Protein backbone atom coordinates (compact mmCIF):
# COMPACT_ATOMS: atom_id res chain seq x y z
CA MET A 1 0.00 -0.05 0.07
CA THR A 2 1.07 3.63 -0.62
CA ASP A 3 2.51 5.47 2.35
CA SER A 4 -0.24 7.83 3.58
CA SER A 5 2.50 10.54 4.05
CA SER A 6 3.63 10.56 0.45
CA PRO A 7 2.54 13.10 -2.04
CA GLU A 8 -0.88 12.62 -3.66
CA PRO A 9 -0.31 11.03 -7.17
CA ALA A 10 -1.38 13.33 -10.12
CA LEU A 11 -4.77 12.74 -11.47
CA PRO A 12 -5.91 13.37 -15.14
CA GLU A 13 -7.86 16.55 -15.64
CA PHE A 14 -10.99 16.52 -17.78
CA ALA A 15 -11.84 19.77 -19.73
CA ILE A 16 -15.72 19.23 -20.38
CA THR A 17 -17.71 21.56 -22.83
CA ALA A 18 -21.34 21.28 -23.58
CA PRO A 19 -22.61 19.75 -26.78
CA ASP A 20 -23.31 22.15 -29.68
CA ALA A 21 -26.78 23.78 -28.78
CA ALA A 22 -27.18 25.30 -32.20
CA ALA A 23 -26.75 22.03 -34.07
CA ALA A 24 -29.25 20.46 -31.52
CA ASP A 25 -31.73 23.38 -32.14
CA ALA A 26 -31.40 22.75 -35.90
CA ALA A 27 -32.27 19.09 -35.62
CA ARG A 28 -35.14 19.92 -33.54
CA ALA A 29 -36.48 22.35 -36.18
CA ARG A 30 -35.71 19.75 -38.84
CA GLN A 31 -37.82 17.13 -37.01
CA SER A 32 -40.72 19.51 -37.12
CA GLN A 33 -40.47 19.55 -40.97
CA LEU A 34 -40.08 15.91 -41.75
CA THR A 35 -42.97 13.97 -43.41
CA LYS A 36 -44.53 12.70 -40.17
CA PRO A 37 -46.63 14.11 -37.49
CA ALA A 38 -44.90 16.05 -35.01
CA GLY A 39 -43.53 13.82 -32.31
CA ALA A 40 -44.66 10.67 -34.13
CA LEU A 41 -41.09 9.01 -33.97
CA GLY A 42 -41.04 9.53 -30.13
CA ARG A 43 -37.99 8.94 -28.46
CA LEU A 44 -35.92 8.70 -31.77
CA GLU A 45 -36.54 12.29 -32.36
CA GLU A 46 -34.88 13.36 -29.09
CA LEU A 47 -32.09 10.96 -29.68
CA SER A 48 -31.34 12.45 -33.16
CA VAL A 49 -31.31 15.90 -31.53
CA TRP A 50 -28.82 14.61 -29.10
CA VAL A 51 -26.54 13.11 -31.69
CA ALA A 52 -26.49 16.39 -33.78
CA GLY A 53 -25.47 18.32 -30.68
CA CYS A 54 -22.75 15.99 -29.96
CA GLN A 55 -21.48 15.92 -33.61
CA GLY A 56 -22.03 19.77 -33.92
CA GLN A 57 -23.94 19.29 -37.24
CA CYS A 58 -27.43 19.05 -38.67
CA PRO A 59 -28.62 16.58 -39.85
CA PRO A 60 -26.35 14.28 -37.94
CA ARG A 61 -24.18 11.71 -39.60
CA GLN A 62 -24.51 7.98 -39.38
CA PHE A 63 -21.86 6.42 -37.09
CA GLU A 64 -18.97 4.98 -39.07
CA ARG A 65 -16.70 3.62 -36.27
CA ALA A 66 -18.65 2.56 -33.16
CA ARG A 67 -16.28 0.64 -30.64
CA VAL A 68 -17.04 -1.41 -27.60
CA LEU A 69 -14.30 -1.52 -24.97
CA VAL A 70 -14.95 -4.31 -22.34
CA PHE A 71 -12.81 -3.59 -19.01
CA ALA A 72 -12.09 -6.81 -17.42
CA ALA A 73 -10.84 -7.15 -13.74
CA ASP A 74 -11.16 -9.59 -10.78
CA HIS A 75 -12.41 -8.39 -7.27
CA GLY A 76 -11.07 -9.78 -4.12
CA VAL A 77 -14.41 -9.47 -2.58
CA ALA A 78 -15.60 -12.61 -4.68
CA ALA A 79 -13.80 -14.65 -2.05
CA ALA A 80 -16.80 -13.65 0.19
CA GLY A 81 -19.17 -15.64 -1.79
CA VAL A 82 -21.06 -12.80 -3.46
CA SER A 83 -21.13 -14.14 -6.92
CA ALA A 84 -22.68 -17.49 -8.30
CA TYR A 85 -19.48 -18.02 -10.39
CA PRO A 86 -15.75 -18.67 -9.36
CA SER A 87 -13.14 -16.05 -10.09
CA GLU A 88 -11.46 -18.17 -12.88
CA VAL A 89 -14.50 -17.28 -15.14
CA THR A 90 -13.13 -13.67 -15.50
CA ALA A 91 -9.89 -14.92 -17.43
CA GLN A 92 -11.92 -17.59 -19.23
CA MET A 93 -14.58 -14.93 -20.46
CA VAL A 94 -11.71 -12.54 -21.52
CA ALA A 95 -10.26 -15.05 -23.70
CA ASN A 96 -13.77 -16.09 -25.11
CA ILE A 97 -14.39 -12.29 -25.95
CA GLY A 98 -10.95 -12.14 -27.61
CA ALA A 99 -11.90 -15.26 -29.57
CA GLY A 100 -15.02 -13.54 -30.70
CA GLY A 101 -17.32 -16.23 -29.02
CA ALA A 102 -19.16 -14.20 -26.47
CA ALA A 103 -22.60 -12.40 -26.41
CA ILE A 104 -20.88 -8.99 -27.11
CA ASN A 105 -19.12 -10.20 -30.28
CA ALA A 106 -22.41 -11.50 -31.65
CA LEU A 107 -24.39 -8.41 -30.89
CA ALA A 108 -21.64 -6.08 -32.04
CA ASP A 109 -21.66 -7.77 -35.35
CA ILE A 110 -25.32 -7.01 -35.74
CA ALA A 111 -24.88 -3.44 -34.39
CA GLY A 112 -21.83 -2.62 -36.71
CA ALA A 113 -19.42 -2.10 -33.97
CA GLY A 114 -15.98 -3.20 -33.05
CA VAL A 115 -14.95 -5.02 -29.80
CA ARG A 116 -11.83 -4.67 -27.73
CA VAL A 117 -11.28 -6.38 -24.34
CA ILE A 118 -8.95 -4.64 -21.90
CA ASP A 119 -7.41 -6.58 -19.09
CA VAL A 120 -7.12 -3.95 -16.21
CA ALA A 121 -6.74 -6.21 -13.15
CA VAL A 122 -7.63 -9.96 -14.15
CA ASP A 123 -6.18 -12.50 -11.51
CA THR A 124 -3.61 -14.24 -13.84
CA ASP A 125 -0.03 -13.92 -14.71
CA ALA A 126 -0.58 -12.94 -18.31
CA ASP A 127 1.33 -9.87 -19.53
CA ALA A 128 -1.41 -7.10 -20.31
CA PRO A 129 -0.39 -3.75 -21.60
CA HIS A 130 -3.18 -1.86 -19.49
CA ARG A 131 -2.67 -4.10 -16.43
CA ILE A 132 -2.86 -1.99 -13.30
CA ARG A 133 -2.58 -4.88 -10.84
CA ARG A 134 -3.57 -8.63 -10.34
CA SER A 135 -7.10 -8.41 -9.10
CA SER A 136 -8.42 -5.64 -6.77
CA GLY A 137 -8.49 -5.87 -2.93
CA ASN A 138 -11.40 -7.40 -0.86
CA ILE A 139 -13.23 -4.13 -0.34
CA ALA A 140 -15.29 -5.69 2.52
CA VAL A 141 -11.85 -5.72 4.77
CA GLU A 142 -9.27 -3.62 2.62
CA ASP A 143 -8.94 -0.98 0.10
CA ALA A 144 -9.48 -1.94 -3.54
CA LEU A 145 -6.43 -0.28 -4.83
CA THR A 146 -3.44 2.11 -3.65
CA ARG A 147 -3.49 5.80 -4.34
CA ASP A 148 -0.92 5.32 -7.11
CA GLU A 149 -3.03 2.45 -8.64
CA THR A 150 -6.27 4.57 -8.53
CA ALA A 151 -4.45 7.38 -10.48
CA ALA A 152 -2.99 4.99 -12.85
CA ALA A 153 -6.20 3.34 -13.47
CA LEU A 154 -8.04 6.63 -14.11
CA ALA A 155 -5.17 7.64 -16.59
CA ALA A 156 -5.23 4.51 -18.24
CA GLY A 157 -9.01 4.80 -18.99
CA ALA A 158 -8.44 8.26 -20.25
CA ALA A 159 -5.73 7.30 -22.43
CA LEU A 160 -7.70 4.50 -23.93
CA ALA A 161 -10.48 6.93 -24.80
CA ASP A 162 -7.92 9.12 -26.47
CA GLU A 163 -6.58 6.17 -28.41
CA GLU A 164 -10.03 5.29 -29.76
CA VAL A 165 -11.11 8.84 -30.76
CA ASP A 166 -7.49 9.57 -32.32
CA SER A 167 -8.18 6.32 -34.34
CA GLY A 168 -11.54 7.44 -35.63
CA ALA A 169 -14.10 6.23 -33.12
CA ASP A 170 -17.23 8.40 -33.41
CA LEU A 171 -19.27 6.42 -30.79
CA LEU A 172 -17.92 4.45 -27.70
CA ILE A 173 -19.36 1.85 -25.55
CA ALA A 174 -17.93 0.78 -22.15
CA GLY A 175 -18.52 -2.85 -21.19
CA ASP A 176 -17.60 -4.82 -18.13
CA MET A 177 -16.35 -8.29 -17.25
CA GLY A 178 -15.39 -9.57 -13.70
CA ILE A 179 -16.66 -11.81 -11.09
CA GLY A 180 -17.52 -9.61 -8.09
CA ASN A 181 -17.91 -6.34 -9.95
CA THR A 182 -21.51 -5.74 -9.18
CA THR A 183 -20.67 -5.69 -5.54
CA ALA A 184 -18.11 -3.01 -5.76
CA ALA A 185 -20.39 -1.20 -8.24
CA THR A 186 -23.14 -1.32 -5.83
CA VAL A 187 -21.06 0.27 -2.96
CA LEU A 188 -20.45 3.27 -5.45
CA VAL A 189 -23.90 3.77 -6.07
CA ALA A 190 -24.91 3.40 -2.57
CA ALA A 191 -22.18 5.87 -1.34
CA LEU A 192 -23.01 8.46 -3.92
CA THR A 193 -26.76 8.25 -3.72
CA LYS A 194 -26.79 7.75 0.11
CA THR A 195 -28.97 4.57 -0.20
CA GLU A 196 -29.02 1.75 2.36
CA PRO A 197 -27.51 -1.64 1.01
CA VAL A 198 -30.75 -3.54 1.20
CA ALA A 199 -32.36 -1.28 -1.18
CA VAL A 200 -29.69 -1.43 -3.85
CA VAL A 201 -28.15 -4.97 -3.65
CA GLY A 202 -29.44 -7.07 -6.40
CA ARG A 203 -28.80 -10.70 -7.73
CA GLY A 204 -25.78 -10.15 -9.90
CA THR A 205 -25.07 -13.27 -11.84
CA GLY A 206 -28.01 -15.20 -10.20
CA ILE A 207 -27.11 -15.57 -6.55
CA ASP A 208 -29.58 -17.29 -4.22
CA ASP A 209 -31.01 -15.78 -0.85
CA GLU A 210 -27.79 -16.94 1.16
CA GLY A 211 -25.51 -15.35 -1.58
CA TRP A 212 -27.70 -12.15 -1.43
CA ILE A 213 -27.03 -11.95 2.32
CA ARG A 214 -23.39 -12.14 1.96
CA LYS A 215 -23.22 -9.58 -0.75
CA THR A 216 -25.35 -7.21 1.30
CA ALA A 217 -22.99 -7.71 4.22
CA ALA A 218 -19.94 -7.12 1.97
CA VAL A 219 -21.60 -3.93 0.64
CA ARG A 220 -22.42 -2.62 4.16
CA ASP A 221 -18.95 -3.28 5.35
CA ALA A 222 -17.33 -1.39 2.37
CA LEU A 223 -19.64 1.53 2.85
CA TYR A 224 -18.68 1.81 6.36
CA ARG A 225 -15.03 2.07 5.34
CA ALA A 226 -15.73 4.45 2.59
CA LYS A 227 -17.86 6.77 4.66
CA GLY A 228 -17.22 10.45 3.71
CA ALA A 229 -14.67 9.56 0.82
CA ASP A 230 -14.50 11.98 -2.10
CA PRO A 231 -14.97 10.27 -5.65
CA VAL A 232 -11.32 9.32 -6.03
CA ALA A 233 -10.99 7.89 -2.43
CA LEU A 234 -14.21 6.11 -3.05
CA LEU A 235 -12.80 4.36 -5.98
CA ARG A 236 -9.51 3.53 -4.16
CA ILE A 237 -11.34 2.25 -1.04
CA ALA A 238 -14.41 0.46 -2.57
CA GLY A 239 -14.03 0.41 -6.27
CA GLY A 240 -11.58 -1.41 -8.38
CA ALA A 241 -9.16 -0.77 -11.18
CA ASP A 242 -11.80 -1.59 -13.80
CA LEU A 243 -14.34 1.01 -12.07
CA ALA A 244 -11.46 3.46 -11.94
CA ALA A 245 -10.48 3.05 -15.71
CA MET A 246 -13.97 3.22 -16.85
CA ALA A 247 -14.55 6.43 -15.03
CA GLY A 248 -11.36 7.94 -16.62
CA PHE A 249 -12.69 6.45 -19.98
CA LEU A 250 -16.08 8.03 -19.71
CA ALA A 251 -14.90 11.38 -18.52
CA GLN A 252 -12.17 11.77 -21.24
CA ALA A 253 -14.80 10.62 -23.93
CA ALA A 254 -16.89 13.60 -22.92
CA ALA A 255 -13.77 15.74 -22.86
CA ARG A 256 -13.10 14.74 -26.44
CA ARG A 257 -16.66 15.62 -27.49
CA THR A 258 -17.48 11.92 -28.27
CA PRO A 259 -20.94 10.46 -27.64
CA VAL A 260 -21.08 7.43 -25.43
CA LEU A 261 -23.89 4.71 -24.79
CA LEU A 262 -23.65 3.51 -21.30
CA ASP A 263 -24.29 -0.41 -20.36
CA GLY A 264 -25.56 -1.79 -17.27
CA LEU A 265 -24.92 -1.31 -13.47
CA VAL A 266 -21.03 -1.58 -13.49
CA VAL A 267 -20.47 0.84 -16.24
CA THR A 268 -23.02 3.28 -14.84
CA ALA A 269 -21.57 3.26 -11.50
CA ALA A 270 -18.36 4.32 -13.12
CA ALA A 271 -20.21 7.00 -14.85
CA LEU A 272 -21.66 8.30 -11.61
CA VAL A 273 -18.19 8.81 -10.41
CA ALA A 274 -17.03 10.28 -13.72
CA GLU A 275 -19.87 12.97 -13.38
CA ARG A 276 -18.49 13.85 -9.96
CA LEU A 277 -15.02 14.11 -11.51
CA ALA A 278 -15.95 15.78 -14.62
CA PRO A 279 -19.26 17.83 -14.04
CA GLY A 280 -21.30 17.96 -17.28
CA ALA A 281 -19.86 14.75 -18.81
CA ARG A 282 -23.28 13.21 -18.73
CA ASP A 283 -24.56 15.45 -21.47
CA TRP A 284 -22.32 13.21 -23.79
CA TRP A 285 -23.91 9.87 -22.69
CA GLN A 286 -27.17 8.19 -23.13
CA ALA A 287 -28.25 5.12 -21.26
CA GLY A 288 -28.48 2.10 -23.54
CA HIS A 289 -30.61 0.08 -21.12
CA ARG A 290 -31.92 -0.54 -17.74
CA SER A 291 -30.79 -3.80 -16.02
CA PRO A 292 -32.90 -5.34 -13.23
CA GLU A 293 -30.24 -4.53 -10.68
CA PRO A 294 -31.92 -1.94 -8.21
CA ALA A 295 -28.67 0.08 -8.05
CA HIS A 296 -28.63 0.50 -11.77
CA THR A 297 -32.11 2.52 -11.65
CA ARG A 298 -30.55 4.60 -8.62
CA ALA A 299 -27.73 5.51 -10.69
CA LEU A 300 -29.65 6.43 -13.85
CA THR A 301 -32.00 8.59 -11.73
CA ALA A 302 -29.00 10.52 -10.16
CA LEU A 303 -27.51 10.97 -13.64
CA LEU A 304 -31.05 12.08 -15.04
CA LEU A 305 -30.66 9.55 -17.91
CA GLU A 306 -33.62 7.74 -19.28
CA PRO A 307 -32.64 4.26 -20.73
CA ILE A 308 -33.46 3.66 -24.31
CA LEU A 309 -34.37 -0.10 -23.78
CA ASP A 310 -35.66 -2.23 -20.90
CA LEU A 311 -35.23 -5.86 -21.88
CA GLY A 312 -34.31 -7.39 -18.52
CA MET A 313 -30.62 -7.90 -19.70
CA ARG A 314 -28.15 -8.24 -16.92
CA LEU A 315 -25.06 -9.80 -18.62
CA GLY A 316 -22.59 -6.88 -18.71
CA GLU A 317 -19.91 -6.84 -21.47
CA GLY A 318 -21.63 -3.89 -23.03
CA THR A 319 -24.41 -5.95 -24.39
CA GLY A 320 -27.44 -3.78 -23.40
CA ALA A 321 -25.78 -0.67 -24.80
CA THR A 322 -24.91 -2.54 -28.00
CA VAL A 323 -28.55 -3.81 -28.53
CA ALA A 324 -29.42 -0.04 -28.25
CA LEU A 325 -27.01 0.89 -30.92
CA PRO A 326 -29.29 0.18 -33.82
CA VAL A 327 -32.00 2.12 -32.19
CA LEU A 328 -29.55 5.11 -32.08
CA ARG A 329 -28.58 4.43 -35.68
CA GLY A 330 -32.32 4.53 -36.71
CA ALA A 331 -32.72 7.93 -34.90
CA VAL A 332 -29.78 9.41 -36.92
CA GLN A 333 -30.94 7.76 -40.28
CA THR A 334 -34.58 8.97 -39.90
CA CYS A 335 -33.38 12.60 -39.06
CA ALA A 336 -30.70 12.71 -41.89
CA ALA A 337 -32.59 10.79 -44.76
CA MET A 338 -36.24 11.52 -44.50
CA ALA A 339 -37.64 14.12 -46.83
CA THR A 340 -39.09 17.28 -45.56
CA PHE A 341 -42.86 18.27 -46.18
CA ALA A 342 -41.53 20.77 -48.65
CA GLU A 343 -39.12 18.39 -50.42
CA ALA A 344 -41.79 15.75 -50.66
CA ALA A 345 -44.59 18.14 -51.70
CA VAL A 346 -46.70 16.74 -48.92
CA SER A 347 -49.52 18.87 -47.77
CA THR A 348 -49.61 19.79 -43.93
CA GLU A 349 -52.99 21.50 -44.26
CA LEU A 350 -56.06 20.09 -42.39
CA PRO A 351 -59.54 20.38 -43.34
CA GLY A 352 -60.61 23.84 -43.22
CA GLY A 353 -57.28 25.21 -44.12
CA ASP A 354 -55.61 24.90 -40.77
CA VAL A 355 -52.22 23.65 -40.48
CA GLU A 356 -51.05 20.57 -38.28
CA PRO A 357 -49.60 21.74 -35.21
CA GLY A 358 -45.68 21.60 -35.16
CA THR A 359 -45.65 21.67 -39.05
CA ARG A 360 -45.61 24.29 -41.71
CA ARG A 361 -47.41 24.52 -45.01
CA SER A 362 -45.78 22.88 -48.03
CA ARG A 363 -44.67 25.10 -50.81
């Protein structure tokens, strides 16, 4: 562990600017001129306005290089029996994702996105370029990370965002893979929303009642240890290398003016921390879906984000956000490709010469 008397390590700084309001207004105005009743495409219209603001242009352009980064790490708290699966599954699933055999690979193929798995703290001897440490500490009884490791994980996530954006990524999705990670994520959400453990602890990978009791006890103990911690200290005490890296990734994506689809509980917990570290970052994010985990809904509410989908998905890996990507693509396509009333020579007049609300007369 780092000596508490040593200097604080340098943390990445995130310069957040707002999406382009003029482009968003132009997209909103364009929606009122497309060949449909005003508001008839529902949430798709709102999403197209968001994309236009993020891209700074109207109509918005279709995504050409969507990227999914799956942050993988083990968590020492798994030893407390908080998961239905053993820790070795993390490394096995990292290999499976790398080989193209996981759910995220299949869904990304359909959505038109590339997949990259990042070993941040998997409990193996394998050499990994972004590895912070081998597993994170058992947050029920010890800190997840040292101060230096926390700073390194935040910086690694930010660097990965830069790397992807510099390579042409125009939409990013963060995913997670790690046995025990929903326990750490739940602690972050409970701490930042001031919620009691029993109200936010879910079933994760499908634990039984006894497992739920063990998980709740671990969350309670970690919360006690993290009481009063600032966001960075919270990551160090009760988070993990993956959660810290995702927080850095999400904050830097916003700083680089790149839209992000958030996935489930683990990613959204990291987003909750990222918003504290980089206020305004949430304007660059959309919630891909809502999982059955109660902490996920708490986190989405705190971020003022409404999920695009609610399909009962709880796998992680970025799967829920990736399923939402074609919906977002549809929002972009309808805004960009539909004809206006004037272009299609479609009348907007109602019987009696009135004009349908929200539209203009055709010319």
